[in-house]
Every structure is written in C-alpha cells, then in structure tokens.
Protein backbone atom coordinates (compact mmCIF):
# COMPACT_ATOMS: atom_id res chain seq x y z
CA MET A 1 -25.12 -95.53 -69.59
CA GLY A 2 -22.47 -97.08 -71.99
CA HIS A 3 -20.00 -97.79 -69.25
CA SER A 4 -19.57 -100.83 -67.09
CA ILE A 5 -21.98 -101.22 -64.13
CA LYS A 6 -18.84 -100.39 -61.84
CA ASN A 7 -17.97 -97.59 -63.57
CA GLN A 8 -21.60 -96.16 -63.53
CA LEU A 9 -21.72 -96.66 -59.77
CA GLU A 10 -18.27 -95.05 -59.07
CA GLN A 11 -19.09 -92.01 -61.63
CA SER A 12 -22.53 -91.34 -59.78
CA VAL A 13 -20.75 -90.94 -56.56
CA SER A 14 -17.95 -88.76 -57.95
CA ALA A 15 -20.54 -86.56 -59.57
CA ALA A 16 -22.40 -86.07 -56.21
CA CYS A 17 -19.40 -84.63 -54.35
CA HIS A 18 -20.05 -80.95 -53.18
CA PRO A 19 -17.02 -80.14 -51.09
CA ALA A 20 -17.77 -76.59 -50.89
CA GLY A 21 -21.39 -77.06 -49.67
CA SER A 22 -23.05 -77.43 -46.47
CA LYS A 23 -24.65 -80.54 -45.20
CA ARG A 24 -27.31 -78.10 -43.63
CA SER A 25 -28.79 -77.24 -47.08
CA GLU A 26 -30.44 -80.68 -47.04
CA ARG A 27 -32.60 -79.84 -44.12
CA THR A 28 -33.85 -77.10 -45.91
CA ASN A 29 -33.97 -78.65 -49.32
CA PRO A 30 -34.42 -82.22 -49.40
CA GLY A 31 -33.91 -82.38 -53.00
CA ASN A 32 -30.36 -82.28 -52.29
CA ASP A 33 -30.03 -85.51 -50.38
CA TRP A 34 -28.22 -87.07 -53.22
CA ARG A 35 -24.96 -84.73 -52.56
CA ILE A 36 -21.96 -85.88 -50.49
CA TYR A 37 -20.38 -83.08 -48.68
CA SER A 38 -17.49 -84.90 -46.64
CA CYS A 39 -15.21 -85.53 -49.73
CA GLY A 40 -12.31 -83.63 -48.98
CA GLY A 41 -9.29 -83.98 -46.45
CA ALA A 42 -5.75 -85.25 -46.51
CA GLU A 43 -6.81 -88.83 -47.26
CA PRO A 44 -9.53 -88.74 -49.60
CA ASP A 45 -9.78 -92.53 -49.93
CA LYS A 46 -10.71 -92.38 -46.23
CA THR A 47 -13.46 -89.82 -46.48
CA TYR A 48 -17.11 -90.68 -46.77
CA ALA A 49 -16.96 -90.20 -50.59
CA GLY A 50 -13.91 -92.69 -50.55
CA TYR A 51 -16.18 -95.11 -48.45
CA LEU A 52 -19.21 -94.62 -50.95
CA LYS A 53 -16.80 -95.45 -54.03
CA GLY A 54 -15.10 -98.30 -52.42
CA ILE A 55 -18.67 -99.83 -51.73
CA SER A 56 -19.76 -98.90 -55.52
CA ALA A 57 -16.64 -100.59 -56.84
CA ASP A 58 -16.83 -103.68 -54.79
CA LEU A 59 -20.77 -103.88 -55.49
CA GLY A 60 -20.05 -103.41 -59.20
CA LYS A 61 -17.41 -106.06 -59.57
CA TRP A 62 -19.59 -108.67 -57.81
CA ILE A 63 -22.35 -108.00 -60.05
CA LYS A 64 -20.42 -108.39 -63.06
CA GLU A 65 -19.15 -111.76 -61.79
CA ASN A 66 -22.54 -112.87 -60.34
CA TYR A 67 -25.18 -111.12 -62.61
CA PRO A 68 -23.51 -110.70 -65.95
CA ASP A 69 -26.77 -109.45 -67.70
CA CYS A 70 -27.17 -106.65 -65.36
CA ARG A 71 -25.37 -104.15 -67.02
CA LYS A 72 -27.36 -100.94 -66.26
CA ALA A 73 -27.78 -99.15 -63.03
CA TYR A 74 -31.56 -99.25 -63.07
CA GLN A 75 -31.44 -102.94 -63.65
CA ILE A 76 -30.20 -103.49 -59.88
CA SER A 77 -32.83 -105.02 -57.99
CA PRO A 78 -33.23 -105.41 -54.15
CA SER A 79 -32.54 -109.23 -54.64
CA ILE A 80 -29.13 -108.27 -56.25
CA LEU A 81 -28.38 -106.14 -53.17
CA GLN A 82 -29.31 -108.73 -50.78
CA GLY A 83 -27.38 -111.27 -52.37
CA TRP A 84 -24.12 -109.07 -52.10
CA LEU A 85 -24.94 -108.49 -48.25
CA ASN A 86 -25.31 -112.10 -47.68
CA ALA A 87 -22.10 -112.82 -49.55
CA LYS A 88 -20.36 -110.18 -47.42
CA ALA A 89 -21.86 -111.93 -44.26
CA GLU A 90 -20.39 -115.39 -45.46
CA LYS A 91 -16.99 -113.91 -45.66
CA GLY A 92 -17.32 -113.05 -41.83
CA VAL A 93 -18.11 -109.31 -42.21
CA ALA A 94 -19.37 -107.74 -38.84
CA ALA A 95 -22.95 -107.09 -38.53
CA SER A 96 -21.89 -103.48 -37.54
CA THR A 97 -20.06 -103.08 -41.03
CA LEU A 98 -22.81 -104.70 -42.85
CA ARG A 99 -25.45 -102.21 -41.29
CA GLY A 100 -23.04 -99.50 -42.74
CA TYR A 101 -23.31 -100.86 -46.14
CA VAL A 102 -27.11 -100.78 -45.95
CA SER A 103 -26.82 -97.02 -45.15
CA GLY A 104 -24.04 -96.59 -47.96
CA LEU A 105 -26.37 -98.16 -50.71
CA LYS A 106 -29.40 -96.11 -49.85
CA LYS A 107 -26.96 -93.10 -50.51
CA ILE A 108 -25.53 -94.68 -53.37
CA GLU A 109 -28.97 -95.11 -55.04
CA LYS A 110 -29.65 -91.60 -54.67
CA CYS A 111 -26.48 -90.62 -56.46
CA VAL A 112 -27.31 -92.84 -59.24
CA ALA A 113 -30.64 -91.69 -59.75
CA HIS A 114 -29.70 -87.82 -59.63
CA HIS A 115 -26.50 -88.69 -62.03
CA PHE A 116 -28.34 -90.25 -64.84
CA ARG A 117 -31.73 -87.76 -64.34
CA SER A 118 -33.58 -91.30 -64.33
CA SER A 119 -36.83 -92.03 -62.73
CA ASN A 120 -36.32 -95.88 -63.49
CA ILE A 121 -33.75 -95.92 -60.57
CA ASP A 122 -35.48 -97.53 -57.70
CA TRP A 123 -33.56 -100.23 -55.99
CA LYS A 124 -36.08 -100.38 -53.22
CA THR A 125 -33.10 -100.34 -50.65
CA SER A 126 -35.99 -100.07 -47.77
CA SER A 127 -36.28 -103.60 -48.21
CA ILE A 128 -32.68 -104.90 -47.90
CA HIS A 129 -31.29 -106.13 -44.57
CA VAL A 130 -28.35 -107.20 -42.60
CA PRO A 131 -28.43 -110.94 -42.75
CA GLU A 132 -29.45 -112.85 -39.43
CA GLY A 133 -26.84 -114.71 -37.53
CA CYS A 134 -23.69 -112.75 -38.97
CA MET A 135 -21.00 -111.71 -36.53
CA GLU A 136 -21.62 -108.84 -34.14
CA ASP A 137 -19.05 -105.96 -33.22
CA LYS A 138 -15.56 -106.91 -32.68
CA GLN A 139 -14.62 -107.50 -28.80
CA ARG A 140 -12.63 -104.51 -27.93
CA ASP A 141 -11.80 -105.56 -24.48
CA LYS A 142 -9.62 -108.62 -25.15
CA VAL A 143 -5.77 -108.32 -24.25
CA MET A 144 -3.45 -111.24 -25.82
CA SER A 145 -1.02 -112.21 -22.93
CA ASP A 146 2.76 -113.00 -23.93
CA GLU A 147 2.10 -116.62 -23.56
CA VAL A 148 -0.62 -116.85 -26.16
CA TYR A 149 1.29 -114.29 -28.36
CA ASN A 150 4.52 -116.64 -28.22
CA LYS A 151 2.50 -119.26 -29.02
CA VAL A 152 0.91 -117.65 -32.34
CA LEU A 153 4.21 -116.40 -33.29
CA GLY A 154 5.76 -120.04 -32.97
CA ALA A 155 3.13 -121.42 -35.13
CA MET A 156 4.40 -118.92 -37.90
CA SER A 157 7.28 -119.39 -40.04
CA LYS A 158 9.95 -116.48 -39.61
CA LYS A 159 10.08 -116.61 -43.35
CA THR A 160 6.74 -115.29 -43.80
CA GLU A 161 5.98 -111.77 -44.13
CA THR A 162 2.99 -111.95 -41.85
CA TYR A 163 5.00 -112.94 -39.02
CA LYS A 164 6.66 -109.38 -39.34
CA SER A 165 3.20 -107.89 -38.63
CA ILE A 166 2.64 -109.68 -35.17
CA VAL A 167 6.10 -108.63 -34.25
CA LEU A 168 5.41 -104.93 -35.34
CA SER A 169 2.28 -104.80 -33.45
CA ASN A 170 3.95 -106.14 -30.25
CA ILE A 171 7.02 -104.11 -30.06
CA ALA A 172 5.49 -100.92 -31.43
CA GLY A 173 1.80 -100.98 -30.94
CA LEU A 174 1.18 -100.72 -34.90
CA ARG A 175 -2.21 -101.23 -36.41
CA VAL A 176 -2.45 -103.66 -39.21
CA ARG A 177 -2.69 -101.09 -41.80
CA GLU A 178 0.71 -99.59 -40.38
CA THR A 179 2.44 -103.04 -40.22
CA CYS A 180 1.67 -103.42 -43.78
CA GLN A 181 2.87 -100.23 -45.33
CA ILE A 182 5.53 -98.99 -42.80
CA HIS A 183 9.13 -98.63 -44.90
CA ARG A 184 12.69 -99.67 -44.06
CA GLU A 185 13.77 -95.95 -43.59
CA CYS A 186 11.05 -95.35 -40.78
CA VAL A 187 13.18 -97.83 -38.69
CA HIS A 188 16.22 -96.51 -36.17
CA LEU A 189 18.18 -98.78 -34.49
CA GLN A 190 19.29 -96.47 -31.88
CA GLY A 191 18.55 -93.58 -30.09
CA GLY A 192 14.93 -92.79 -28.69
CA ARG A 193 13.70 -92.17 -25.22
CA TYR A 194 15.32 -95.32 -23.97
CA GLY A 195 18.37 -95.82 -26.41
CA PHE A 196 17.12 -98.87 -28.01
CA GLY A 197 15.76 -97.25 -31.12
CA TYR A 198 12.67 -95.96 -32.41
CA ILE A 199 10.25 -95.88 -35.64
CA THR A 200 8.76 -92.87 -37.10
CA LEU A 201 5.53 -92.89 -39.27
CA ARG A 202 5.55 -89.87 -41.65
CA SER A 203 2.66 -87.62 -42.11
CA GLY A 204 0.32 -88.46 -45.11
CA ALA A 205 -0.67 -92.25 -46.12
CA ILE A 206 2.86 -93.55 -47.08
CA ASP A 207 3.31 -95.35 -43.91
CA GLY A 208 -0.21 -96.30 -43.55
CA ALA A 209 -0.66 -94.09 -40.36
CA LYS A 210 -4.22 -93.40 -39.22
CA HIS A 211 -5.47 -90.13 -40.64
CA GLY A 212 -2.09 -89.60 -42.17
CA ARG A 213 -0.63 -88.44 -38.38
CA ALA A 214 3.05 -88.60 -37.93
CA ARG A 215 4.24 -89.93 -34.76
CA THR A 216 7.34 -91.29 -33.24
CA ILE A 217 7.29 -94.72 -31.36
CA ASP A 218 10.34 -95.62 -28.88
CA LEU A 219 11.36 -99.25 -28.55
CA LEU A 220 11.07 -100.16 -24.90
CA SER A 221 13.91 -102.99 -24.57
CA ALA A 222 17.06 -104.34 -26.17
CA GLY A 223 14.99 -107.42 -26.95
CA ASP A 224 12.80 -105.16 -28.91
CA ARG A 225 15.34 -103.69 -30.82
CA ASP A 226 16.68 -107.25 -31.73
CA LYS A 227 13.22 -108.56 -33.10
CA LEU A 228 13.05 -105.39 -35.10
CA ARG A 229 16.55 -105.80 -36.65
CA GLU A 230 15.67 -109.45 -37.41
CA ILE A 231 12.61 -108.73 -39.49
CA CYS A 232 14.39 -105.78 -41.36
CA GLN A 233 17.46 -107.45 -42.08
CA ASP A 234 16.75 -107.73 -45.85
CA VAL A 235 14.72 -104.86 -46.69
CA ARG A 236 16.11 -101.87 -48.37
CA PRO A 237 15.40 -98.19 -47.75
CA GLY A 238 12.36 -97.63 -49.96
CA GLN A 239 10.89 -100.95 -49.50
CA THR A 240 8.03 -101.86 -47.12
CA ILE A 241 8.95 -103.94 -44.30
CA MET A 242 6.22 -106.37 -45.38
CA ARG A 243 5.81 -107.04 -49.27
CA MET A 244 4.80 -109.53 -51.87
CA GLN A 245 6.85 -110.83 -54.21
CA ASP A 246 6.21 -108.33 -56.84
CA GLY A 247 7.47 -105.82 -54.22
CA GLN A 248 3.81 -104.40 -53.46
CA PRO A 249 3.05 -103.65 -49.76
CA TYR A 250 1.29 -106.55 -47.87
CA LYS A 251 -2.68 -106.44 -47.74
CA LYS A 252 -4.26 -106.17 -44.39
CA ASP A 253 -6.77 -109.06 -45.01
CA SER A 254 -4.13 -111.19 -46.02
CA VAL A 255 -2.27 -110.50 -42.47
CA GLN A 256 -5.30 -111.37 -40.64
CA ARG A 257 -6.11 -114.74 -42.48
CA ALA A 258 -2.37 -115.88 -41.85
CA ILE A 259 -2.84 -115.11 -38.12
CA THR A 260 -6.30 -116.97 -38.09
CA ARG A 261 -4.49 -120.16 -39.59
CA ALA A 262 -1.35 -119.67 -36.78
CA CYS A 263 -4.39 -119.37 -33.97
CA ALA A 264 -5.79 -122.57 -35.66
CA LYS A 265 -2.41 -124.57 -35.44
CA VAL A 266 -2.16 -123.86 -31.93
CA GLY A 267 -6.26 -124.53 -31.15
CA ILE A 268 -7.37 -120.96 -30.27
CA ARG A 269 -9.10 -120.15 -33.48
CA GLU A 270 -12.51 -119.93 -31.91
CA GLU A 271 -11.25 -117.52 -29.11
CA TRP A 272 -9.27 -115.33 -31.28
CA HIS A 273 -11.25 -115.11 -34.38
CA GLN A 274 -11.27 -111.24 -33.93
CA ASN A 275 -9.01 -108.47 -32.98
CA LYS A 276 -5.67 -110.38 -33.13
CA ASN A 277 -3.34 -107.50 -33.88
CA HIS A 278 -5.55 -105.24 -31.85
CA ALA A 279 -5.29 -107.51 -28.67
CA ILE A 280 -1.30 -107.45 -29.29
CA ARG A 281 -1.76 -103.60 -29.63
CA LYS A 282 -3.57 -103.31 -26.41
CA ALA A 283 -0.77 -105.52 -24.53
CA TYR A 284 1.88 -103.30 -25.73
CA ALA A 285 -0.15 -100.33 -24.50
CA GLN A 286 -0.06 -101.68 -20.94
CA ARG A 287 3.44 -102.43 -21.08
CA THR A 288 4.36 -98.90 -22.24
CA TYR A 289 2.15 -97.46 -19.16
CA ASP A 290 3.81 -99.66 -16.89
CA ALA A 291 7.34 -98.36 -18.20
CA VAL A 292 6.80 -94.88 -17.73
CA ARG A 293 4.98 -95.04 -14.40
CA LYS A 294 8.09 -97.07 -12.83
CA GLU A 295 10.29 -94.61 -14.73
CA THR A 296 8.68 -91.39 -13.47
CA ALA A 297 7.94 -92.71 -10.02
CA GLU A 298 11.65 -93.67 -9.73
CA GLN A 299 12.61 -90.31 -10.96
CA GLY A 300 10.36 -88.74 -7.69
CA TYR A 301 7.47 -87.32 -9.65
CA SER A 302 4.03 -87.27 -7.65
CA ASP A 303 1.86 -90.44 -8.00
CA ALA A 304 -0.77 -87.90 -10.26
CA ASP A 305 2.05 -86.26 -12.24
CA SER A 306 3.39 -90.00 -13.01
CA ARG A 307 0.00 -91.13 -14.12
CA ARG A 308 -0.61 -88.19 -16.06
CA MET A 309 2.53 -88.61 -17.91
CA ALA A 310 2.21 -92.21 -18.35
CA GLU A 311 -1.36 -91.81 -19.96
CA ASN A 312 0.22 -88.68 -22.21
CA TYR A 313 3.06 -91.13 -23.39
CA VAL A 314 0.67 -93.93 -24.32
CA SER A 315 -1.50 -91.82 -26.15
CA ASP A 316 1.19 -90.26 -28.09
CA GLN A 317 2.85 -93.80 -28.83
CA LEU A 318 -0.78 -95.38 -30.27
CA GLY A 319 -1.47 -92.25 -32.26
CA HIS A 320 -4.49 -91.23 -30.18
CA ASN A 321 -4.67 -87.37 -30.43
CA GLY A 322 -8.29 -86.30 -30.07
CA GLU A 323 -10.21 -84.66 -27.52
CA ARG A 324 -9.80 -85.11 -23.88
CA ALA A 325 -13.26 -87.14 -23.36
CA ASP A 326 -12.29 -89.16 -26.50
CA ARG A 327 -8.68 -90.04 -25.26
CA GLU A 328 -10.08 -90.87 -21.84
CA ARG A 329 -12.52 -93.54 -23.35
CA LEU A 330 -9.38 -94.76 -25.53
CA LEU A 331 -7.29 -95.21 -22.50
CA ASP A 332 -9.92 -97.13 -21.00
CA THR A 333 -9.99 -99.48 -23.84
CA TYR A 334 -6.21 -99.91 -24.21
CA VAL A 335 -4.84 -99.71 -20.76
CA ALA A 336 -6.75 -102.25 -18.53
CA PHE A 337 -4.87 -101.43 -15.35
CA ARG A 338 -4.04 -97.74 -14.70
CA TRP A 339 -2.62 -97.82 -11.47
C-alpha cells in the first residue's frame, strides 16, 4: 500500500471489474461479492464501476485533507466514513444520493479487502448512516412558469456563462450537463421542422447527451432562434457554448449555484432550491407538446393520432427513448396537461 489513499481506493475498484462475468455467480458463490460486473458500456464513467471510482476519488481526497495521518486503506474507520457523509449532507446532497453513497462504500470496502488480500480491512460500514435532517429527494413535479423564468433570467447578467444555461434549457429542453458541454457546431440557425433552426447532440459523450444518445432538437419560434443566436455570437466551432476562461467546459455544479444566487436576488430561493433547469425543461416539454397538438389538429389528424404524434415528438426532443411503460411515466412527469 505505497500509493496515496485515493489511489489505493481507485485501484481496488479497477481491479474488481469483471466485464465478462455474470452477476448471477454471486448468488452461487458469495466469495465473489467483491467483483463489479457492470463496467463496460459506451460511457465508462457512467457505469457502476465509474460511479464507485468517483466515490473512491472523492473520499480519498477528503481523507487526505481532513485526516492526513490516515494513509492506508485499512486505517479507514467508520467515524471517517461518517464524517465524509456528514460533509456531503452539509453541502446539500439529497438523502437519496447519500443512501447510494452508503451502498457504494460497502461495495468499495469489499473491493479493497480483496485487492490487498487483507483481513485488517474492516470499516464497519454497517454502522454508518445517512445523517438526519438532510434534504430528501428532489421535487420532480415543479414547472417553472414563464413569469418566474423571466425574473430569474433578469437577475443574471447576459455576460455570464450561466445565463446561457437556462436559455438553452428554455428553448431546447437541454439538461444541465448538456448545456455545459454542447458545442457551437451543434447549433443551426436555419432549417428544422419549423424553419427556425435546430440543435444536434452527437452520439457519444462529447456534447453531454445522456447515455451518449444522439438527437435533433427543433427550435419552435423565431424568438427562440434569436435567443440562441445571441448566446452563440462570440463562440467559434470547436468551442463549447458555455466555457470557462481557460476554454474548458463549464461545470454543472457551478451552473446550479449561479442560478440559486439569481433566485435569491428575486426572493424565490427557498421555493426554487431544487430542480431549476429541470423545471424549465418541463415547461419546454409542455410548450412542445402544445405546439404539435395544435399543428396536427389543424392538419386534420384525429384526436388520438394527434396526441400520439405529440407524445412521440416530445419524447424524441427530450431524449427519452426507453420502453413504452418508462416513456409513459416520463411523459406524466414532464407534460402536466396532455389534452
């Protein structure tokens, strides 16, 4: 164990990856419970292995800063793990996320014990718990009205990068991560379904698309096109629309903090402490649904066909390509009024 505590944890997780194996083997051989089977995929950083590596790296860094004398994996104690969880809770991490961290720590402990073949690894993870009073799951049913959106937008300087994030969520329904990573060459100010332009998210992780799924998003109005042109006017091909001074893409957490500050300026911080971009994205979904329903009704389609076409279009625009049952659940979440 000559490496840093962070490297010890990350290496243990990497060594536990077993992409060719079957998770069912754990049921017949409990001794395999240290293995990680979900470690492939198009976006390795989004797999279970990547998730555990993320926890390992963050925990290792935190231990180095707060417990510098803890240099070996076997020295990690339940009080250290609980301290890390408490620090996360103080930063506003939701209880549901913290519960995932607890499960992740239990898995990492098994990875470390097997990797170092050490019987001294006993973190007593069964004793750690989610701190009381931390924020519960995000409220998924909130929709930000145009009035509130315009107030928040007005509280942000047009010169800031985070201003661009909520504009992109409003006109194209982009997720926060997508607003941070989308590139200038993905923006087209002509064409599309309505002639006002469109945005393309390429396959893979380059533009931040969830699961790397490519999709094309049509602009719904000339006003949306003008807003998009405004935030892209100084951005060159090859650059992300939102970027830091060193040219690197903006960070998701930085966006959320900036929007929270804007909400505080207009006196709505408590009401909108969660789901800012998500609530804007839902408003976009309703607007898209309404536009297609109106368009197809005017074209003479039956009510059932018009509704089906609107639902399919919204799902495609949002990047929801799951099974039918899953899609129905998402539509219920995003489109409050399916008339």
